[in-house]
Amino acid sequence: MRLLCLTENSLLLSMRINTGGVENIRESIPEDVSFPLYNKVDLGCYSVNCDLESGDIYIVGDDRWLKKYDMPKMKYDEINFETPPKPPLEEFKSHGIGTNCFDFSSEADFIVSGGQDGALILRNRKKLNQLNEIKAHAIFNGGVTALCFSRVRTTLYSAGGDGTFLVWPVGSNPNPNQAIEPADFFSSPDLSNIPQVENTDDESVAFYKDLLEEQFLESEVTRKEEFKSYLSKELKNLQNKLYSLLEDNKKAQDIEQLEREEFVIDLDRKTKLEFTGDAERESIRKEAQRKELEYECLRDRIKNETWDTMKTHSTAVISLDSDQKLYNYGVRSKTEAEQRKLKQVLQFRRMELREKITGLENDLDTILDQSEFSKGQEKYIMDRERGEQTYEKDEAPPIVMEEFVFSTTKKEEKKTIESTGKF
């Protein structure tokens, strides 16, 4: 027969005990007889029980979980107190402000737990995630303080800090037909020691459950801070040891030196970081390619709108003997629309000059009489002035006329020479 218990330093102990008689109960059991085995568990655990049918071990404590563990397999000398305990095999949600006790049914497949909130949680062994919560006892004075399944019937007994003892039928095996005669409970002198509730104002009244939750959360914060401080101290010691090993490795001979990667302890985290780094590098590479393509498109657009539109590109000649530089003038190529407009302007200008030359040849008056097309009652503005009109002198027609007469004379002289054969 083996005994299970929890120690103050958060160890789960399993040891063999002799079911027969002993000569002296004060003598300790030798290790070669008890063969104790240990396993580290989470802090704050204070109650352990074993399912006799499956052999599974369950532990409860200050936290809000029912935890399932393996049977201890380590000797005391093999335990490393500097490392955290291994996580439990499974965790199941339990009471909100801590679990006080729990028990297994030998007549039915049930496991029940009692919490500081005064509730009972009944579970099926095969469906531990399904909770059946029963509001049993008052929340003050510790909630459910004790519970136990009947060994011969499918009946559950529970006791609470409120002074009540309750019987719960939870299976098919019926309870006895006759009521159980209670003891003379009310004559007990312990009743006089129960504190009485004093009258207080409604504003100052608070639910005991809220007070317990607040107290539990404060204790959790303190416990977490202590555990965090303990882990930080242990990590600092490990860090110093690792730095010392790295320094010793640097001083060792080349053939004895280890690679830096061989000092990595958390290989899973290393693999995860490498995978994350590869993914981040791939993301940066794709972003760089996208930016490069964006800049290339911008470069091609600027080149197409500036450099490719130049008929004559700007160039420079640098002197080898001095710092002098000689630049040419860049000439922009005209678009088809600009060339078409330029041809129209040139054509209009030729037509204008031809009209003026024709007017000079025929001695025509190019100045229009305003009275022929205006009566002075127009509703629009006309470019005119009062009195006699004055016009700027246009030197272009006479010059063009002289050039025209000169070119005509040259042509006639050339024809005359060609016809007479004289040069």
Protein backbone atom coordinates (compact mmCIF):
# COMPACT_ATOMS: atom_id res chain seq x y z
CA MET A 1 0.00 0.00 0.00
CA ARG A 2 1.32 3.44 -0.90
CA LEU A 3 0.68 6.74 0.87
CA LEU A 4 0.36 10.08 -0.99
CA CYS A 5 0.98 13.45 0.66
CA LEU A 6 2.12 17.00 -0.06
CA THR A 7 5.07 18.61 1.71
CA GLU A 8 5.58 22.25 2.63
CA ASN A 9 8.25 22.71 -0.06
CA SER A 10 5.71 21.80 -2.81
CA LEU A 11 6.70 18.16 -3.27
CA LEU A 12 4.34 15.29 -3.99
CA LEU A 13 5.49 12.31 -1.90
CA SER A 14 4.62 8.68 -2.50
CA MET A 15 5.81 6.04 -0.02
CA ARG A 16 5.09 2.43 0.89
CA ILE A 17 3.59 1.72 4.31
CA ASN A 18 3.14 -1.49 6.22
CA THR A 19 -0.53 -2.34 6.74
CA GLY A 20 0.31 -4.81 9.50
CA GLY A 21 1.25 -4.05 13.06
CA VAL A 22 4.55 -2.46 14.09
CA GLU A 23 6.50 -2.78 17.30
CA ASN A 24 7.12 0.92 17.87
CA ILE A 25 5.03 3.49 16.04
CA ARG A 26 7.45 6.27 17.04
CA GLU A 27 10.28 4.87 14.99
CA SER A 28 10.63 6.21 11.45
CA ILE A 29 10.25 3.84 8.52
CA PRO A 30 13.57 3.17 6.76
CA GLU A 31 13.87 4.30 3.17
CA ASP A 32 14.68 0.80 1.97
CA VAL A 33 11.26 -0.21 3.29
CA SER A 34 9.14 2.85 2.46
CA PHE A 35 10.95 3.53 -0.84
CA PRO A 36 9.85 7.22 -1.07
CA LEU A 37 9.48 8.87 -4.47
CA TYR A 38 9.01 12.58 -5.16
CA ASN A 39 7.77 14.97 -7.80
CA LYS A 40 7.70 18.79 -7.86
CA VAL A 41 4.26 20.45 -8.08
CA ASP A 42 2.99 24.04 -8.26
CA LEU A 43 3.14 26.30 -5.24
CA GLY A 44 -0.01 26.66 -3.12
CA CYS A 45 -1.18 23.03 -3.45
CA TYR A 46 -2.34 21.50 -0.17
CA SER A 47 -4.70 18.58 -0.91
CA VAL A 48 -4.07 15.38 -2.87
CA ASN A 49 -6.25 12.39 -3.65
CA CYS A 50 -5.99 9.31 -5.87
CA ASP A 51 -8.58 7.69 -8.10
CA LEU A 52 -8.32 4.04 -7.01
CA GLU A 53 -9.86 2.73 -10.23
CA SER A 54 -7.65 4.57 -12.75
CA GLY A 55 -4.67 5.34 -10.52
CA ASP A 56 -4.73 9.04 -11.52
CA ILE A 57 -3.56 11.59 -8.96
CA TYR A 58 -5.42 14.89 -8.53
CA ILE A 59 -4.28 17.95 -6.57
CA VAL A 60 -6.11 21.14 -5.54
CA GLY A 61 -5.00 24.29 -3.79
CA ASP A 62 -5.20 28.07 -3.68
CA ASP A 63 -5.53 28.47 -7.43
CA ARG A 64 -8.70 27.82 -9.44
CA TRP A 65 -7.76 24.50 -11.02
CA LEU A 66 -8.09 20.78 -10.43
CA LYS A 67 -4.76 19.33 -11.61
CA LYS A 68 -3.88 15.84 -12.74
CA TYR A 69 -0.35 14.49 -12.15
CA ASP A 70 1.65 11.32 -12.74
CA MET A 71 2.79 9.07 -9.92
CA PRO A 72 6.10 10.36 -8.44
CA LYS A 73 9.15 8.67 -9.95
CA MET A 74 12.19 10.62 -8.67
CA LYS A 75 14.37 10.17 -5.64
CA TYR A 76 14.97 13.11 -3.37
CA ASP A 77 18.60 13.48 -4.49
CA GLU A 78 17.51 13.71 -8.12
CA ILE A 79 15.29 16.74 -7.57
CA ASN A 80 16.60 20.08 -8.88
CA PHE A 81 14.99 22.80 -6.78
CA GLU A 82 16.43 25.53 -9.05
CA THR A 83 14.16 24.60 -11.96
CA PRO A 84 10.39 25.15 -12.05
CA PRO A 85 8.07 22.13 -11.75
CA LYS A 86 6.79 20.39 -14.83
CA PRO A 87 3.24 21.34 -15.85
CA PRO A 88 0.45 18.94 -14.86
CA LEU A 89 -0.89 16.40 -17.34
CA GLU A 90 -4.29 18.11 -17.41
CA GLU A 91 -6.01 21.05 -15.73
CA PHE A 92 -9.73 21.46 -15.09
CA LYS A 93 -11.53 24.59 -13.97
CA SER A 94 -12.51 24.53 -10.29
CA HIS A 95 -13.80 26.96 -7.66
CA GLY A 96 -13.32 30.69 -8.15
CA ILE A 97 -11.68 31.44 -4.79
CA GLY A 98 -9.88 28.21 -3.97
CA THR A 99 -10.74 24.57 -3.30
CA ASN A 100 -10.85 23.20 0.26
CA CYS A 101 -11.43 19.46 -0.26
CA PHE A 102 -12.49 16.79 -2.76
CA ASP A 103 -13.31 13.08 -2.85
CA PHE A 104 -14.02 10.16 -5.23
CA SER A 105 -17.10 7.93 -5.22
CA SER A 106 -16.50 4.19 -5.06
CA GLU A 107 -20.14 3.38 -5.97
CA ALA A 108 -20.51 5.78 -8.92
CA ASP A 109 -18.21 7.48 -11.42
CA PHE A 110 -18.22 10.82 -9.62
CA ILE A 111 -15.65 13.22 -8.24
CA VAL A 112 -16.78 16.09 -6.04
CA SER A 113 -14.96 19.16 -4.72
CA GLY A 114 -15.87 21.75 -2.13
CA GLY A 115 -14.71 25.37 -2.30
CA GLN A 116 -14.35 28.43 -0.15
CA ASP A 117 -17.31 29.89 -2.05
CA GLY A 118 -19.63 27.35 -0.33
CA ALA A 119 -20.36 25.45 -3.56
CA LEU A 120 -20.01 21.78 -4.48
CA ILE A 121 -18.80 20.85 -7.97
CA LEU A 122 -19.85 17.37 -9.09
CA ARG A 123 -18.11 15.83 -12.13
CA ASN A 124 -18.25 12.59 -14.04
CA ARG A 125 -14.84 10.88 -14.09
CA LYS A 126 -15.06 10.45 -17.85
CA LYS A 127 -16.17 14.06 -18.49
CA LEU A 128 -14.19 16.17 -16.05
CA ASN A 129 -14.68 19.34 -18.10
CA GLN A 130 -18.44 19.27 -17.50
CA LEU A 131 -19.25 20.96 -14.17
CA ASN A 132 -22.41 20.51 -12.10
CA GLU A 133 -22.30 23.24 -9.47
CA ILE A 134 -24.46 23.00 -6.34
CA LYS A 135 -24.97 25.95 -3.98
CA ALA A 136 -24.59 24.06 -0.72
CA HIS A 137 -23.23 26.09 2.22
CA ALA A 138 -22.86 29.73 3.15
CA ILE A 139 -19.74 31.46 1.94
CA PHE A 140 -18.65 32.84 5.32
CA ASN A 141 -16.44 30.88 7.73
CA GLY A 142 -14.65 29.03 4.95
CA GLY A 143 -17.50 27.69 2.78
CA VAL A 144 -17.33 23.88 2.45
CA THR A 145 -14.98 22.58 5.13
CA ALA A 146 -15.35 18.79 4.65
CA LEU A 147 -17.05 16.29 2.34
CA CYS A 148 -17.09 12.53 1.83
CA PHE A 149 -18.85 9.92 -0.30
CA SER A 150 -20.56 7.03 1.42
CA ARG A 151 -18.65 3.77 1.04
CA VAL A 152 -21.83 1.67 0.71
CA ARG A 153 -24.33 4.06 -0.91
CA THR A 154 -24.30 6.68 -3.64
CA THR A 155 -24.64 9.43 -1.09
CA LEU A 156 -22.54 12.52 -0.53
CA TYR A 157 -22.04 14.15 2.89
CA SER A 158 -20.86 17.73 3.21
CA ALA A 159 -20.15 20.05 6.12
CA GLY A 160 -19.67 23.82 6.06
CA GLY A 161 -18.29 26.58 8.21
CA ASP A 162 -21.85 27.84 8.66
CA GLY A 163 -22.50 24.86 10.99
CA THR A 164 -24.65 22.80 8.62
CA PHE A 165 -24.26 19.12 7.70
CA LEU A 166 -26.00 18.08 4.48
CA VAL A 167 -26.73 14.76 2.80
CA TRP A 168 -26.95 14.58 -1.02
CA PRO A 169 -28.24 11.58 -3.04
CA VAL A 170 -26.13 11.40 -6.20
CA GLY A 171 -26.81 7.90 -7.58
CA SER A 172 -29.23 5.04 -7.99
CA ASN A 173 -28.58 3.30 -4.64
CA PRO A 174 -31.32 4.71 -2.35
CA ASN A 175 -30.80 6.07 1.12
CA PRO A 176 -32.31 4.28 4.16
CA ASN A 177 -36.03 4.85 4.60
CA GLN A 178 -35.74 5.82 8.26
CA ALA A 179 -34.29 9.18 9.18
CA ILE A 180 -31.01 9.27 11.02
CA GLU A 181 -31.44 10.47 14.58
CA PRO A 182 -29.29 13.58 15.06
CA ALA A 183 -27.17 14.00 18.13
CA ASP A 184 -27.97 16.53 20.75
CA PHE A 185 -26.26 19.18 18.68
CA PHE A 186 -27.92 22.29 19.99
CA SER A 187 -26.86 21.50 23.56
CA SER A 188 -23.22 21.64 22.56
CA PRO A 189 -21.21 24.36 24.35
CA ASP A 190 -19.46 25.15 21.07
CA LEU A 191 -22.54 27.04 19.91
CA SER A 192 -21.82 29.80 22.40
CA ASN A 193 -18.42 30.34 20.74
CA ILE A 194 -19.93 31.15 17.33
CA PRO A 195 -19.55 34.92 16.75
CA GLN A 196 -22.79 36.82 16.38
CA VAL A 197 -23.47 39.24 13.54
CA GLU A 198 -23.73 42.87 14.63
CA ASN A 199 -26.15 45.33 13.08
CA THR A 200 -24.45 47.63 10.58
CA ASP A 201 -25.51 50.25 8.06
CA ASP A 202 -26.58 49.07 4.62
CA GLU A 203 -23.84 51.15 2.96
CA SER A 204 -21.10 49.40 4.95
CA VAL A 205 -22.41 45.87 4.33
CA ALA A 206 -20.36 43.84 1.86
CA PHE A 207 -20.85 40.31 0.59
CA TYR A 208 -18.54 37.84 2.20
CA LYS A 209 -17.87 36.32 -1.20
CA ASP A 210 -16.58 39.67 -2.45
CA LEU A 211 -14.37 39.96 0.62
CA LEU A 212 -13.01 36.47 0.08
CA GLU A 213 -12.37 37.15 -3.60
CA GLU A 214 -10.55 40.37 -2.74
CA GLN A 215 -8.50 38.58 -0.07
CA PHE A 216 -7.76 35.74 -2.49
CA LEU A 217 -6.65 38.13 -5.24
CA GLU A 218 -4.38 39.99 -2.81
CA SER A 219 -2.82 36.72 -1.71
CA GLU A 220 -2.43 35.71 -5.35
CA VAL A 221 -0.65 38.99 -6.14
CA THR A 222 1.70 38.52 -3.21
CA ARG A 223 2.35 34.89 -4.14
CA LYS A 224 2.98 35.79 -7.78
CA GLU A 225 5.35 38.59 -6.82
CA GLU A 226 7.27 36.25 -4.51
CA PHE A 227 7.45 33.57 -7.19
CA LYS A 228 8.48 36.16 -9.78
CA SER A 229 11.22 37.44 -7.48
CA TYR A 230 12.38 33.89 -6.87
CA LEU A 231 12.50 33.14 -10.61
CA SER A 232 14.34 36.40 -11.35
CA LYS A 233 16.96 35.55 -8.73
CA GLU A 234 17.39 32.04 -10.11
CA LEU A 235 17.62 33.33 -13.67
CA LYS A 236 20.27 35.83 -12.59
CA ASN A 237 22.31 33.02 -11.03
CA LEU A 238 21.98 30.94 -14.19
CA GLN A 239 22.98 33.93 -16.27
CA ASN A 240 26.13 34.48 -14.20
CA LYS A 241 27.02 30.79 -14.47
CA LEU A 242 26.52 30.88 -18.22
CA TYR A 243 28.74 33.97 -18.57
CA SER A 244 31.38 32.22 -16.51
CA LEU A 245 31.21 29.17 -18.77
CA LEU A 246 31.49 31.36 -21.86
CA GLU A 247 34.58 33.07 -20.47
CA ASP A 248 36.16 29.71 -19.62
CA ASN A 249 35.36 28.50 -23.13
CA LYS A 250 37.18 31.48 -24.65
CA LYS A 251 40.30 30.69 -22.62
CA ALA A 252 40.28 27.02 -23.61
CA GLN A 253 42.36 25.64 -26.46
CA ASP A 254 40.93 25.68 -29.96
CA ILE A 255 40.41 21.94 -30.01
CA GLU A 256 38.50 22.09 -26.70
CA GLN A 257 36.38 25.15 -27.44
CA LEU A 258 32.65 24.68 -27.98
CA GLU A 259 30.52 26.51 -30.50
CA ARG A 260 28.29 29.28 -29.18
CA GLU A 261 25.20 27.37 -30.28
CA GLU A 262 26.10 24.47 -28.00
CA PHE A 263 25.41 26.72 -24.98
CA VAL A 264 21.78 27.16 -25.98
CA ILE A 265 19.52 25.45 -23.45
CA ASP A 266 16.02 26.20 -24.76
CA LEU A 267 16.22 24.55 -28.18
CA ASP A 268 12.49 24.95 -28.81
CA ARG A 269 12.71 28.70 -28.30
CA LYS A 270 15.81 28.83 -30.50
CA THR A 271 13.94 27.04 -33.29
CA LYS A 272 10.98 29.36 -32.83
CA LEU A 273 13.20 32.46 -32.96
CA GLU A 274 14.94 31.17 -36.08
CA PHE A 275 11.58 30.53 -37.74
CA THR A 276 10.36 34.00 -36.71
CA GLY A 277 13.61 35.56 -38.01
CA ASP A 278 13.27 33.76 -41.36
CA ALA A 279 9.69 34.94 -41.72
CA GLU A 280 10.65 38.52 -40.82
CA ARG A 281 13.59 38.43 -43.25
CA GLU A 282 11.31 37.19 -46.03
CA SER A 283 8.82 39.96 -45.24
CA ILE A 284 11.59 42.61 -45.34
CA ARG A 285 12.89 41.18 -48.63
CA LYS A 286 9.44 41.37 -50.24
CA GLU A 287 8.98 44.92 -48.95
CA ALA A 288 12.40 45.89 -50.38
CA GLN A 289 11.49 44.39 -53.75
CA ARG A 290 8.21 46.27 -53.76
CA LYS A 291 9.98 49.54 -52.93
CA GLU A 292 12.61 48.87 -55.60
CA LEU A 293 9.89 48.28 -58.21
CA GLU A 294 8.13 51.45 -57.09
CA TYR A 295 11.32 53.50 -57.49
CA GLU A 296 12.01 51.93 -60.88
CA CYS A 297 8.52 52.90 -62.09
CA LEU A 298 9.06 56.43 -60.78
CA ARG A 299 12.46 56.60 -62.51
CA ASP A 300 11.01 55.43 -65.85
CA ARG A 301 8.17 57.93 -65.59
CA ILE A 302 10.54 60.83 -64.90
CA LYS A 303 12.85 59.72 -67.74
CA ASN A 304 9.91 59.41 -70.12
CA GLU A 305 8.62 62.88 -69.25
CA THR A 306 12.01 64.67 -69.21
CA TRP A 307 15.03 62.97 -70.79
CA ASP A 308 13.17 61.20 -73.60
CA THR A 309 11.36 64.41 -74.60
CA MET A 310 14.66 66.26 -75.32
CA LYS A 311 15.70 66.62 -78.97
CA THR A 312 19.19 67.67 -77.90
CA HIS A 313 20.33 66.36 -74.52
CA SER A 314 22.44 68.49 -72.24
CA THR A 315 26.08 67.51 -72.35
CA ALA A 316 29.27 68.96 -70.94
CA VAL A 317 32.92 69.05 -71.96
CA ILE A 318 35.46 69.11 -69.13
CA SER A 319 38.95 70.42 -69.67
CA LEU A 320 41.78 68.11 -68.68
CA ASP A 321 44.13 71.01 -67.89
CA SER A 322 41.72 73.12 -65.84
CA ASP A 323 38.41 73.05 -64.02
CA GLN A 324 36.57 74.70 -66.89
CA LYS A 325 33.36 73.12 -68.12
CA LEU A 326 31.48 73.86 -71.30
CA TYR A 327 27.80 73.04 -71.56
CA ASN A 328 25.53 73.00 -74.57
CA TYR A 329 21.89 74.01 -74.59
CA GLY A 330 19.30 71.29 -74.31
CA VAL A 331 16.50 71.54 -76.83
CA ARG A 332 13.16 69.96 -76.08
CA SER A 333 11.40 68.05 -78.82
CA LYS A 334 8.10 69.56 -79.92
CA THR A 335 5.00 67.49 -79.61
CA GLU A 336 2.74 66.84 -82.56
CA ALA A 337 0.19 69.32 -81.22
CA GLU A 338 2.90 72.01 -80.84
CA GLN A 339 4.24 71.34 -84.35
CA ARG A 340 0.73 71.53 -85.81
CA LYS A 341 0.05 74.80 -84.01
CA LEU A 342 3.40 76.22 -85.16
CA LYS A 343 2.58 75.37 -88.79
CA GLN A 344 -0.78 77.09 -88.44
CA VAL A 345 0.83 80.22 -87.02
CA LEU A 346 3.40 80.30 -89.84
CA GLN A 347 0.66 79.80 -92.42
CA PHE A 348 -1.43 82.60 -90.93
CA ARG A 349 1.61 84.88 -90.94
CA ARG A 350 2.34 84.12 -94.61
CA MET A 351 -1.29 84.84 -95.52
CA GLU A 352 -1.15 88.12 -93.60
CA LEU A 353 2.04 89.26 -95.36
CA ARG A 354 0.65 88.24 -98.75
CA GLU A 355 -2.50 90.30 -98.15
CA LYS A 356 -0.41 93.30 -97.19
CA ILE A 357 1.80 92.89 -100.28
CA THR A 358 -1.31 92.62 -102.46
CA GLY A 359 -2.70 95.77 -100.86
CA LEU A 360 0.54 97.65 -101.52
CA GLU A 361 0.64 96.49 -105.14
CA ASN A 362 -2.95 97.54 -105.77
CA ASP A 363 -2.72 100.65 -103.62
CA LEU A 364 -5.61 99.54 -101.41
CA ASP A 365 -6.63 101.30 -98.20
CA THR A 366 -6.30 98.79 -95.41
CA ILE A 367 -7.82 101.14 -92.84
CA LEU A 368 -11.52 100.44 -92.46
CA ASP A 369 -14.08 103.17 -91.95
CA GLN A 370 -15.58 102.67 -88.53
CA SER A 371 -18.92 104.17 -89.51
CA GLU A 372 -19.44 101.41 -92.09
CA PHE A 373 -19.88 98.70 -89.47
CA SER A 374 -20.61 100.56 -86.20
CA LYS A 375 -23.43 102.91 -85.19
CA GLY A 376 -22.07 103.73 -81.73
CA GLN A 377 -24.89 101.85 -79.96
CA GLU A 378 -23.22 98.51 -79.43
CA LYS A 379 -23.61 96.75 -76.10
CA TYR A 380 -20.04 95.51 -76.23
CA ILE A 381 -16.70 97.24 -75.94
CA MET A 382 -14.89 98.13 -79.13
CA ASP A 383 -11.21 98.92 -79.50
CA ARG A 384 -11.56 102.52 -80.58
CA GLU A 385 -10.93 106.10 -79.44
CA ARG A 386 -12.72 109.37 -79.96
CA GLY A 387 -11.55 111.72 -82.66
CA GLU A 388 -9.35 110.89 -85.58
CA GLN A 389 -7.92 107.43 -85.51
CA THR A 390 -4.13 107.07 -85.38
CA TYR A 391 -2.36 103.86 -86.30
CA GLU A 392 1.10 102.58 -85.68
CA LYS A 393 3.33 102.48 -88.71
CA ASP A 394 3.95 98.98 -89.96
CA GLU A 395 7.41 98.73 -91.54
CA ALA A 396 6.94 95.10 -92.51
CA PRO A 397 4.88 95.54 -95.74
CA PRO A 398 7.35 97.97 -97.45
CA ILE A 399 10.29 95.75 -96.56
CA VAL A 400 8.51 92.68 -97.83
CA MET A 401 7.49 94.65 -100.93
CA GLU A 402 11.09 95.61 -101.67
CA GLU A 403 12.24 92.04 -101.23
CA PHE A 404 9.45 90.84 -103.48
CA VAL A 405 10.34 93.40 -106.19
CA PHE A 406 14.05 92.56 -105.89
CA SER A 407 13.43 88.81 -106.20
CA THR A 408 11.08 89.36 -109.14
CA THR A 409 13.68 91.50 -110.94
CA LYS A 410 16.34 88.85 -110.38
CA LYS A 411 14.09 86.16 -111.81
CA GLU A 412 13.33 88.21 -114.93
CA GLU A 413 17.01 88.98 -115.50
CA LYS A 414 17.85 85.30 -115.18
CA LYS A 415 15.18 84.35 -117.70
CA THR A 416 16.45 87.00 -120.15
CA ILE A 417 20.04 85.76 -119.89
CA GLU A 418 18.97 82.18 -120.40
CA SER A 419 16.89 83.10 -123.49
CA THR A 420 19.65 85.16 -125.13
CA GLY A 421 22.42 82.82 -124.10
CA LYS A 422 24.52 85.66 -122.66
CA PHE A 423 26.14 85.54 -119.23
